[in-house]
C-alpha atoms as a PDB file:
ATOM      1  CA  MET A   1     216.186 190.923 299.971  1.00  0.00           C
ATOM      2  CA  PHE A   2     215.553 192.591 296.627  1.00  0.00           C
ATOM      3  CA  ASP A   3     212.766 193.182 294.152  1.00  0.00           C
ATOM      4  CA  GLU A   4     212.092 195.181 291.009  1.00  0.00           C
ATOM      5  CA  SER A   5     209.487 197.801 290.228  1.00  0.00           C
ATOM      6  CA  GLY A   6     208.585 198.831 286.700  1.00  0.00           C
ATOM      7  CA  LYS A   7     208.496 196.886 283.461  1.00  0.00           C
ATOM      8  CA  PHE A   8     210.376 197.813 280.287  1.00  0.00           C
ATOM      9  CA  LYS A   9     207.233 197.797 278.155  1.00  0.00           C
ATOM     10  CA  ASP A  10     204.953 199.963 280.298  1.00  0.00           C
ATOM     11  CA  CYS A  11     207.082 202.174 282.597  1.00  0.00           C
ATOM     12  CA  GLU A  12     209.544 205.010 282.084  1.00  0.00           C
ATOM     13  CA  GLN A  13     211.619 204.007 285.115  1.00  0.00           C
ATOM     14  CA  VAL A  14     212.891 200.592 286.221  1.00  0.00           C
ATOM     15  CA  VAL A  15     214.126 200.085 289.793  1.00  0.00           C
ATOM     16  CA  PHE A  16     215.972 197.297 291.593  1.00  0.00           C
ATOM     17  CA  ALA A  17     215.874 197.898 295.343  1.00  0.00           C
ATOM     18  CA  GLY A  18     215.925 196.238 298.731  1.00  0.00           C
ATOM     19  CA  PHE A  19     217.679 195.828 302.052  1.00  0.00           C
ATOM     20  CA  ILE A  20     220.460 193.954 303.758  1.00  0.00           C
ATOM     21  CA  GLY A  21     220.420 192.906 307.398  1.00  0.00           C
ATOM     22  CA  GLU A  22     221.773 190.396 309.857  1.00  0.00           C
ATOM     23  CA  GLN A  23     220.598 186.876 309.145  1.00  0.00           C
ATOM     24  CA  ASP A  24     219.414 186.135 312.675  1.00  0.00           C
ATOM     25  CA  LYS A  25     217.149 189.214 312.664  1.00  0.00           C
ATOM     26  CA  TRP A  26     215.027 188.371 309.620  1.00  0.00           C
ATOM     27  CA  ASN A  27     212.867 185.901 311.574  1.00  0.00           C
ATOM     28  CA  GLY A  28     211.993 188.626 314.059  1.00  0.00           C
ATOM     29  CA  PHE A  29     211.287 190.959 311.155  1.00  0.00           C
ATOM     30  CA  SER A  30     208.922 188.435 309.546  1.00  0.00           C
ATOM     31  CA  HIS A  31     207.052 187.944 312.821  1.00  0.00           C
ATOM     32  CA  ASP A  32     206.538 191.680 313.394  1.00  0.00           C
ATOM     33  CA  TRP A  33     205.603 192.256 309.734  1.00  0.00           C
ATOM     34  CA  ASN A  34     202.954 189.517 309.743  1.00  0.00           C
ATOM     35  CA  VAL A  35     201.527 190.613 313.088  1.00  0.00           C
ATOM     36  CA  ARG A  36     201.076 194.143 311.730  1.00  0.00           C
ATOM     37  CA  LEU A  37     199.504 192.935 308.479  1.00  0.00           C
ATOM     38  CA  LEU A  38     197.025 190.770 310.385  1.00  0.00           C
ATOM     39  CA  ARG A  39     195.681 193.784 312.270  1.00  0.00           C
ATOM     40  CA  ASP A  40     194.110 195.147 309.069  1.00  0.00           C
ATOM     41  CA  MET A  41     194.282 192.341 306.499  1.00  0.00           C
ATOM     42  CA  PRO A  42     192.513 189.049 307.304  1.00  0.00           C
ATOM     43  CA  ARG A  43     193.719 185.603 306.381  1.00  0.00           C
ATOM     44  CA  VAL A  44     192.402 184.238 303.080  1.00  0.00           C
ATOM     45  CA  GLY A  45     191.876 180.486 302.913  1.00  0.00           C
ATOM     46  CA  GLY A  46     193.968 180.073 306.042  1.00  0.00           C
ATOM     47  CA  GLN A  47     196.931 181.820 304.425  1.00  0.00           C
ATOM     48  CA  LEU A  48     198.713 184.802 305.923  1.00  0.00           C
ATOM     49  CA  PRO A  49     198.067 188.106 304.137  1.00  0.00           C
ATOM     50  CA  PHE A  50     200.884 189.623 302.116  1.00  0.00           C
ATOM     51  CA  LEU A  51     201.760 193.090 300.883  1.00  0.00           C
ATOM     52  CA  HIS A  52     201.973 194.035 297.223  1.00  0.00           C
ATOM     53  CA  MET A  53     202.265 197.794 296.858  1.00  0.00           C
ATOM     54  CA  VAL A  54     200.755 198.070 293.359  1.00  0.00           C
ATOM     55  CA  GLU A  55     197.576 196.353 294.515  1.00  0.00           C
ATOM     56  CA  LEU A  56     197.471 198.237 297.810  1.00  0.00           C
ATOM     57  CA  ASN A  57     197.926 201.581 296.062  1.00  0.00           C
ATOM     58  CA  ARG A  58     195.164 200.694 293.588  1.00  0.00           C
ATOM     59  CA  ARG A  59     192.852 199.921 296.492  1.00  0.00           C
ATOM     60  CA  HIS A  60     193.779 203.221 298.154  1.00  0.00           C
ATOM     61  CA  LYS A  61     193.033 205.214 294.992  1.00  0.00           C
ATOM     62  CA  LYS A  62     189.690 203.540 294.364  1.00  0.00           C
ATOM     63  CA  SER A  63     188.438 203.833 297.927  1.00  0.00           C
ATOM     64  CA  SER A  64     185.926 206.558 298.720  1.00  0.00           C
ATOM     65  CA  ASP A  65     185.960 205.654 302.412  1.00  0.00           C
ATOM     66  CA  PRO A  66     188.238 208.009 304.393  1.00  0.00           C
ATOM     67  CA  VAL A  67     188.479 205.452 307.200  1.00  0.00           C
ATOM     68  CA  GLU A  68     189.779 202.787 304.820  1.00  0.00           C
ATOM     69  CA  LYS A  69     192.213 205.203 303.180  1.00  0.00           C
ATOM     70  CA  LEU A  70     193.618 206.215 306.569  1.00  0.00           C
ATOM     71  CA  MET A  71     193.891 202.551 307.575  1.00  0.00           C
ATOM     72  CA  LEU A  72     196.000 201.784 304.480  1.00  0.00           C
ATOM     73  CA  GLU A  73     198.189 204.858 304.992  1.00  0.00           C
ATOM     74  CA  THR A  74     198.789 203.903 308.623  1.00  0.00           C
ATOM     75  CA  LEU A  75     199.531 200.314 307.648  1.00  0.00           C
ATOM     76  CA  VAL A  76     202.324 201.131 305.202  1.00  0.00           C
ATOM     77  CA  VAL A  77     203.858 203.671 307.587  1.00  0.00           C
ATOM     78  CA  ASP A  78     203.886 201.087 310.372  1.00  0.00           C
ATOM     79  CA  LEU A  79     205.460 198.506 308.054  1.00  0.00           C
ATOM     80  CA  ALA A  80     208.152 201.003 307.064  1.00  0.00           C
ATOM     81  CA  GLN A  81     208.970 201.360 310.749  1.00  0.00           C
ATOM     82  CA  VAL A  82     209.323 197.578 311.009  1.00  0.00           C
ATOM     83  CA  ILE A  83     211.849 197.769 308.164  1.00  0.00           C
ATOM     84  CA  CYS A  84     213.791 200.464 310.011  1.00  0.00           C
ATOM     85  CA  LYS A  85     213.841 198.345 313.161  1.00  0.00           C
ATOM     86  CA  TYR A  86     215.546 195.367 311.511  1.00  0.00           C
ATOM     87  CA  ALA A  87     217.341 196.316 308.258  1.00  0.00           C
ATOM     88  CA  THR A  88     220.948 197.504 308.208  1.00  0.00           C
ATOM     89  CA  GLU A  89     221.122 199.288 304.875  1.00  0.00           C
ATOM     90  CA  GLY A  90     218.939 200.036 301.868  1.00  0.00           C
ATOM     91  CA  PHE A  91     219.800 200.126 298.187  1.00  0.00           C
ATOM     92  CA  ALA A  92     217.976 201.607 295.216  1.00  0.00           C
ATOM     93  CA  ASN A  93     219.334 201.359 291.695  1.00  0.00           C
ATOM     94  CA  SER A  94     217.485 202.420 288.593  1.00  0.00           C
ATOM     95  CA  ILE A  95     217.693 203.544 285.011  1.00  0.00           C
ATOM     96  CA  THR A  96     215.147 205.286 282.819  1.00  0.00           C
ATOM     97  CA  VAL A  97     213.957 203.559 279.688  1.00  0.00           C
ATOM     98  CA  ALA A  98     215.126 206.621 277.723  1.00  0.00           C
ATOM     99  CA  ASP A  99     218.646 206.301 279.098  1.00  0.00           C
ATOM    100  CA  PHE A 100     218.640 202.580 278.409  1.00  0.00           C
ATOM    101  CA  ASN A 101     217.613 203.228 274.812  1.00  0.00           C
ATOM    102  CA  ALA A 102     220.457 205.768 274.555  1.00  0.00           C
ATOM    103  CA  LEU A 103     223.027 203.021 275.185  1.00  0.00           C
ATOM    104  CA  ASP A 104     224.867 201.760 272.142  1.00  0.00           C
ATOM    105  CA  PRO A 105     223.418 198.706 270.325  1.00  0.00           C
ATOM    106  CA  ILE A 106     226.020 196.331 271.806  1.00  0.00           C
ATOM    107  CA  ALA A 107     225.144 197.401 275.351  1.00  0.00           C
ATOM    108  CA  ARG A 108     221.406 197.135 274.731  1.00  0.00           C
ATOM    109  CA  ALA A 109     221.862 193.683 273.223  1.00  0.00           C
ATOM    110  CA  ARG A 110     223.872 192.598 276.261  1.00  0.00           C
ATOM    111  CA  TYR A 111     221.381 193.813 278.855  1.00  0.00           C
ATOM    112  CA  LYS A 112     218.184 193.243 276.807  1.00  0.00           C
ATOM    113  CA  ASP A 113     216.092 195.027 279.444  1.00  0.00           C
ATOM    114  CA  PRO A 114     216.730 198.053 281.722  1.00  0.00           C
ATOM    115  CA  PHE A 115     216.057 195.831 284.703  1.00  0.00           C
ATOM    116  CA  TYR A 116     219.302 193.914 284.176  1.00  0.00           C
ATOM    117  CA  TYR A 117     221.251 197.173 284.078  1.00  0.00           C
ATOM    118  CA  ALA A 118     219.720 198.117 287.427  1.00  0.00           C
ATOM    119  CA  PHE A 119     220.300 194.581 288.728  1.00  0.00           C
ATOM    120  CA  GLU A 120     224.039 194.691 288.001  1.00  0.00           C
ATOM    121  CA  ALA A 121     224.304 198.154 289.544  1.00  0.00           C
ATOM    122  CA  GLY A 122     222.540 196.822 292.633  1.00  0.00           C
ATOM    123  CA  VAL A 123     224.854 193.837 293.028  1.00  0.00           C
ATOM    124  CA  LYS A 124     227.877 196.135 292.676  1.00  0.00           C
ATOM    125  CA  SER A 125     226.465 198.455 295.361  1.00  0.00           C
ATOM    126  CA  ILE A 126     225.932 195.561 297.758  1.00  0.00           C
ATOM    127  CA  SER A 127     229.430 194.168 297.208  1.00  0.00           C
ATOM    128  CA  THR A 128     231.041 197.506 298.106  1.00  0.00           C
ATOM    129  CA  SER A 129     228.750 198.350 301.027  1.00  0.00           C
ATOM    130  CA  ALA A 130     230.470 199.977 303.980  1.00  0.00           C
ATOM    131  CA  ALA A 131     227.828 198.369 306.205  1.00  0.00           C
ATOM    132  CA  LEU A 132     229.381 194.937 305.702  1.00  0.00           C
ATOM    133  CA  GLY A 133     231.969 193.894 308.228  1.00  0.00           C
ATOM    134  CA  GLU A 134     235.268 192.464 307.033  1.00  0.00           C
ATOM    135  CA  LYS A 135     234.060 188.891 307.461  1.00  0.00           C
ATOM    136  CA  ASN A 136     230.430 189.399 306.467  1.00  0.00           C
ATOM    137  CA  ASN A 137     228.997 188.205 303.166  1.00  0.00           C
ATOM    138  CA  VAL A 138     225.570 188.704 301.630  1.00  0.00           C
ATOM    139  CA  MET A 139     223.187 186.063 300.363  1.00  0.00           C
ATOM    140  CA  LEU A 140     221.212 187.783 297.622  1.00  0.00           C
ATOM    141  CA  ILE A 141     217.534 186.795 297.782  1.00  0.00           C
ATOM    142  CA  CYS A 142     215.323 187.996 294.942  1.00  0.00           C
ATOM    143  CA  ASP A 143     211.649 187.598 294.149  1.00  0.00           C
ATOM    144  CA  ASP A 144     210.988 184.425 292.193  1.00  0.00           C
ATOM    145  CA  SER A 145     209.534 186.253 289.213  1.00  0.00           C
ATOM    146  CA  GLU A 146     208.750 184.039 286.238  1.00  0.00           C
ATOM    147  CA  GLU A 147     209.724 186.913 283.978  1.00  0.00           C
ATOM    148  CA  TYR A 148     213.078 187.778 285.540  1.00  0.00           C
ATOM    149  CA  SER A 149     214.487 185.065 287.822  1.00  0.00           C
ATOM    150  CA  VAL A 150     216.234 182.969 285.141  1.00  0.00           C
ATOM    151  CA  ASP A 151     217.870 186.007 283.573  1.00  0.00           C
ATOM    152  CA  CYS A 152     218.857 187.360 287.018  1.00  0.00           C
ATOM    153  CA  LEU A 153     220.758 184.141 287.618  1.00  0.00           C
ATOM    154  CA  ARG A 154     222.339 184.416 284.177  1.00  0.00           C
ATOM    155  CA  ALA A 155     223.371 188.038 284.844  1.00  0.00           C
ATOM    156  CA  TYR A 156     224.810 187.073 288.246  1.00  0.00           C
ATOM    157  CA  ARG A 157     226.829 184.229 286.744  1.00  0.00           C
ATOM    158  CA  ARG A 158     228.119 186.529 284.015  1.00  0.00           C
ATOM    159  CA  MET A 159     229.248 189.040 286.634  1.00  0.00           C
ATOM    160  CA  LYS A 160     230.952 186.232 288.559  1.00  0.00           C
ATOM    161  CA  GLN A 161     232.907 185.219 285.466  1.00  0.00           C
ATOM    162  CA  LYS A 162     233.850 188.753 284.411  1.00  0.00           C
ATOM    163  CA  GLN A 163     234.329 190.365 287.837  1.00  0.00           C
ATOM    164  CA  PRO A 164     235.010 187.572 290.365  1.00  0.00           C
ATOM    165  CA  ASP A 165     236.619 189.890 292.926  1.00  0.00           C
ATOM    166  CA  LEU A 166     233.519 192.068 292.970  1.00  0.00           C
ATOM    167  CA  LEU A 167     231.321 189.161 294.002  1.00  0.00           C
ATOM    168  CA  LEU A 168     233.492 187.830 296.824  1.00  0.00           C
ATOM    169  CA  ARG A 169     231.097 189.585 299.218  1.00  0.00           C
ATOM    170  CA  VAL A 170     227.981 188.288 297.406  1.00  0.00           C
ATOM    171  CA  PRO A 171     228.781 184.576 296.963  1.00  0.00           C
ATOM    172  CA  CYS A 172     225.196 183.333 296.733  1.00  0.00           C
ATOM    173  CA  ILE A 173     221.961 184.151 294.927  1.00  0.00           C
ATOM    174  CA  THR A 174     218.599 182.504 295.507  1.00  0.00           C
ATOM    175  CA  PHE A 175     214.933 183.192 294.850  1.00  0.00           C
ATOM    176  CA  GLY A 176     211.847 183.164 297.032  1.00  0.00           C
ATOM    177  CA  ASP A 177     208.073 183.582 296.933  1.00  0.00           C
ATOM    178  CA  ASP A 178     207.235 187.064 298.172  1.00  0.00           C
ATOM    179  CA  LYS A 179     203.794 185.884 299.297  1.00  0.00           C
ATOM    180  CA  GLN A 180     205.514 183.578 301.799  1.00  0.00           C
ATOM    181  CA  TYR A 181     208.607 185.631 302.691  1.00  0.00           C
ATOM    182  CA  PRO A 182     207.979 189.077 304.257  1.00  0.00           C
ATOM    183  CA  PRO A 183     211.488 190.515 303.615  1.00  0.00           C
ATOM    184  CA  LEU A 184     210.718 190.331 299.890  1.00  0.00           C
ATOM    185  CA  GLN A 185     207.483 192.214 300.530  1.00  0.00           C
ATOM    186  CA  ALA A 186     209.578 194.931 302.173  1.00  0.00           C
ATOM    187  CA  ALA A 187     211.762 195.059 299.057  1.00  0.00           C
ATOM    188  CA  ASP A 188     208.623 195.366 296.925  1.00  0.00           C
ATOM    189  CA  MET A 189     207.480 198.294 299.058  1.00  0.00           C
ATOM    190  CA  TYR A 190     210.782 200.132 298.786  1.00  0.00           C
ATOM    191  CA  ALA A 191     211.195 199.547 295.034  1.00  0.00           C
ATOM    192  CA  TYR A 192     207.656 200.775 294.406  1.00  0.00           C
ATOM    193  CA  CYS A 193     208.124 203.889 296.550  1.00  0.00           C
ATOM    194  CA  VAL A 194     211.441 204.796 294.914  1.00  0.00           C
ATOM    195  CA  ARG A 195     210.032 204.381 291.402  1.00  0.00           C
ATOM    196  CA  SER A 196     206.978 206.469 292.305  1.00  0.00           C
ATOM    197  CA  LYS A 197     209.184 209.307 293.520  1.00  0.00           C
ATOM    198  CA  LEU A 198     211.518 209.183 290.506  1.00  0.00           C
ATOM    199  CA  ALA A 199     208.562 209.083 288.125  1.00  0.00           C
ATOM    200  CA  GLY A 200     207.042 212.178 289.745  1.00  0.00           C
ATOM    201  CA  ALA A 201     203.902 210.305 290.779  1.00  0.00           C
ATOM    202  CA  ALA A 202     201.129 212.163 292.553  1.00  0.00           C
ATOM    203  CA  ASP A 203     201.132 211.893 296.330  1.00  0.00           C
ATOM    204  CA  GLY A 204     199.887 208.520 297.464  1.00  0.00           C
ATOM    205  CA  LEU A 205     200.757 205.545 299.625  1.00  0.00           C
ATOM    206  CA  TRP A 206     204.432 205.818 298.668  1.00  0.00           C
ATOM    207  CA  ASN A 207     205.176 209.158 300.387  1.00  0.00           C
ATOM    208  CA  GLY A 208     204.991 208.081 304.025  1.00  0.00           C
ATOM    209  CA  PRO A 209     207.050 204.871 303.831  1.00  0.00           C
ATOM    210  CA  LEU A 210     209.765 206.431 301.678  1.00  0.00           C
ATOM    211  CA  LYS A 211     210.167 209.411 304.002  1.00  0.00           C
ATOM    212  CA  ILE A 212     210.481 207.136 307.049  1.00  0.00           C
ATOM    213  CA  ILE A 213     212.953 204.764 305.396  1.00  0.00           C
ATOM    214  CA  HIS A 214     215.230 207.532 304.152  1.00  0.00           C
ATOM    215  CA  GLU A 215     215.101 209.456 307.419  1.00  0.00           C
ATOM    216  CA  CYS A 216     215.891 206.290 309.375  1.00  0.00           C
ATOM    217  CA  PHE A 217     218.857 205.117 307.353  1.00  0.00           C
ATOM    218  CA  SER A 218     220.106 208.587 306.354  1.00  0.00           C
ATOM    219  CA  GLU A 219     223.796 207.936 305.679  1.00  0.00           C
ATOM    220  CA  HIS A 220     223.274 204.236 305.035  1.00  0.00           C
ATOM    221  CA  VAL A 221     220.799 204.330 302.155  1.00  0.00           C
ATOM    222  CA  ARG A 222     222.597 203.865 298.865  1.00  0.00           C
ATOM    223  CA  THR A 223     221.099 205.645 295.873  1.00  0.00           C
ATOM    224  CA  ASP A 224     223.294 204.700 292.918  1.00  0.00           C
ATOM    225  CA  ILE A 225     220.562 205.823 290.541  1.00  0.00           C
ATOM    226  CA  LEU A 226     221.542 206.301 286.899  1.00  0.00           C
ATOM    227  CA  LEU A 227     219.536 209.211 285.550  1.00  0.00           C
ATOM    228  CA  HIS A 228     221.855 211.491 283.620  1.00  0.00           C
ATOM    229  CA  LYS A 229     223.534 211.227 280.244  1.00  0.00           C
ATOM    230  CA  ASP A 230     227.048 211.534 281.659  1.00  0.00           C
ATOM    231  CA  GLU A 231     226.357 208.543 283.902  1.00  0.00           C
ATOM    232  CA  VAL A 232     225.013 206.583 280.939  1.00  0.00           C
ATOM    233  CA  GLU A 233     228.230 207.391 279.065  1.00  0.00           C
ATOM    234  CA  ARG A 234     230.241 206.030 281.992  1.00  0.00           C
ATOM    235  CA  GLY A 235     228.048 202.957 281.817  1.00  0.00           C
ATOM    236  CA  LYS A 236     229.043 202.455 278.210  1.00  0.00           C
ATOM    237  CA  ALA A 237     232.707 202.576 279.176  1.00  0.00           C
ATOM    238  CA  GLU A 238     232.129 199.989 281.906  1.00  0.00           C
ATOM    239  CA  ILE A 239     230.307 197.724 279.466  1.00  0.00           C
ATOM    240  CA  THR A 240     233.010 197.820 276.836  1.00  0.00           C
ATOM    241  CA  SER A 241     235.699 197.015 279.408  1.00  0.00           C
ATOM    242  CA  LEU A 242     234.033 193.789 280.590  1.00  0.00           C
END
């Protein structure tokens, strides 16, 4: 379950992040996630509440009520613990806009947007994950973003044509509505928290969940994050070899 955080036009850092887990556990995850949300977030129009970290963080910043602020902080910490209970491994892949702009013109034309660079890095990380058993494959589920979903599919199909062996472990990609599918809300939380940390954001709602997730997974969290010029140069070599 994966989502992005950060847009090319208005952020210095773009992140593609999420989790993998056993298929039969995601229903239990969704139940526990929704139960926890309902404790502090009422239904609207009969619909279950959903988490979107940008909006929740905005609410936290604007609130002058210490009780409300503590409620929101406790909520995201509890939801991070739900993630730790069910997910097997986490992934976070990112690139700065500056590093993306430092790529050669051919590479920039190919990727168009830093997000697609992070997306390809994420798919590669998943396909080589040590957490996958020999006979286990991953169905990649991404947020059905109007802005990105079509190009995600195009990038995935391009990878399948150019690097078919790499995608033997990730034979399927699909898209879902994060308002209806809690695992995508978890991906939104993680992507937001990672980007906040990398961007040097002031302490906020992101600190608690990120600390819990990284402490829980320790050796299992993948952080193939492209931040340095030497890594960007290696990226150029990879691009030209495709």
